[in-house]
Amino acid sequence: MTGFVYIIGAGCGSADLITVRGQNALKKCDTVVYDALIDSALLCNAGENAELICVGKRSGAHSAKQEDINALLVEKALAGRTVARLKGGDPFVFGRGGEEITELQKHGIPFCVIPGISSCIAVPELAGIPVTHRKVSREFHVITAHTADDKRDFSRYAKLDGTLIFLMGLNALPEISAGLMHGGVSPATPATVISEGGTAQQKAVRGTLADIAEKAAGMPAPAVIAVGETAGYSFSCSSQPGVLSGVSVTVTGTERFTEKLAGLLEADGADIKRYSHLQIVRKQEIPALDGYSCIAFTSSYGADIFIEHCKEKRIDLRSLAGIKIAAVGSGTADTLTDAGIIPDIIPDKFTVADLADAIADSTPGKVLILRAALGSEQLTERLAKRNILFDDVKIYDTVSRPGMPAEHADTDYIVFGSSSGVSSFFGSGSALSAHTKIVCIGTQTGETAQKYTANRILTADPHTAQGAAAAIKGDRK
């Protein structure tokens, strides 16, 4: 049976600039063929077991040939898969979406095109530049500065009115400026280069046609170049109120954790880069609850799995009467409480060592520990020293999401929620800039981070998402 292909415009920069239609279509796909310039956070909208295939490139790096990409889409669709071709910006604005569709049509493969927010409009807009403005610019022109032979006569664009927008033109900026001036455009004409538009790292350099090439030297790609009277305007958003306005943070972990922490930080004005590179995989089955006097949870993920287990096995929560429930911290306790299970034991300090002491102080019987495969041994060691009987059941594992591209975090901070998250991040080839400060939830997470980097490390207190946000705010002060 032939599959289906969605040609999806991912928008520019941040993942939240994709359309709702594009995001919904992505959730249906079991194969995602994506460009390198998309925000990797978008890949988490596909199913956990979705096949992720990178075919794009950044400036100067190798990419798949267009013919090979076309063939790949055909191959996956003919195998019966639902495919997302996830493209930066809009599929039809220098995106070669038409070439891919032509190949799909040759093989009778059904498809759907979902527009995306194009960088030619959005990136200047995010930098405060309107591509049109009444009485100033009644038209705008979008020009690619990149061609197969890298040769263009830019002087001919001097005859055009309105705003000129050049895409993929950073390396050709001296030739663009010289060509336009040679064609008669005034050297005093405003010009702006916006690098990494729509991301937390967005930077804009403003000047004139005469000096913009010198001013923008060394700016990283991708970049959008705006030339014309409107390029001198600055209608960018006022800074979002909050103590973290202007602060950039990369949030790593599972999708649920990154969304929770991102929400807290964005509320304080921070610019967030989401890198949801982890997923939860169920492992050992939960045993029958008979004979246990306490069930201990060391994370909200374990609590989620237990709640799901109760629903699957049709276990009436009233059968938990007489069994004490222990939660390592407020987040885990909230997950249980939302399901109608009120924890009896929550330590004052949200650590497994303090959880063990709290359990030992209040539980004479046998304890069922439901936790991660790589959980801290402090819990079981302390219970053993206190002569508490227990069964240690590893009900889930935190693993790297297959196919996630490596990340280079260039933000002010990066947050890790677990030791496994640190190991996964660096083990996959991801890296940090030297100035990026590391915020770790838990001392064990911090100790793991020290094995990989010499960057400054902050430890969240308490060991929660709220504690991580507080650590960043405290450091900024």
Foldseek 3Di string as FASTA:
>chain_A
DFAEEEEAACEAFDNVQGDPVRLVLQCQFQEEEEAPRHQLLSNLSHDLNRHYHYFHDFPPDDGHDPVVVLVVVRVQRRVHGYYYHYYYAFCPPPNCVVVSVVSCVVVPHHYHYHTGHHCQQQQCVQQQFHQADPPFFPDEEEEECDDPVSDDQLLVCLPDTGKYKYWPCLVVLVVNLVNNVVNPDDQQWKKKKWASGHALPIDMDIGGSNCPNVRCPPGGDDIMMMTGNSNPGGRHDDQDAALATSAEEEEEEAPVQQVVLVVVQVVRRYGYRYHHFKDKDFDDDDDDPPFAQEEEELDLVLVVVVLVNCVVVVPDVVVCPRHAYAYLADRNQVSCVVSVHHHPHYFPANDLLSSLVRCLVPPQGEYEYEAAPPDDCNNVVSNVVSVHHYDDDHGIYMDTRPPRAQAEAEGQEYEDLDLRRLCRNVVRPHYYDQNYEYEYQDPVNVVSNVVPDPHHYHYFVRSGSVSSSVRVSVVSD
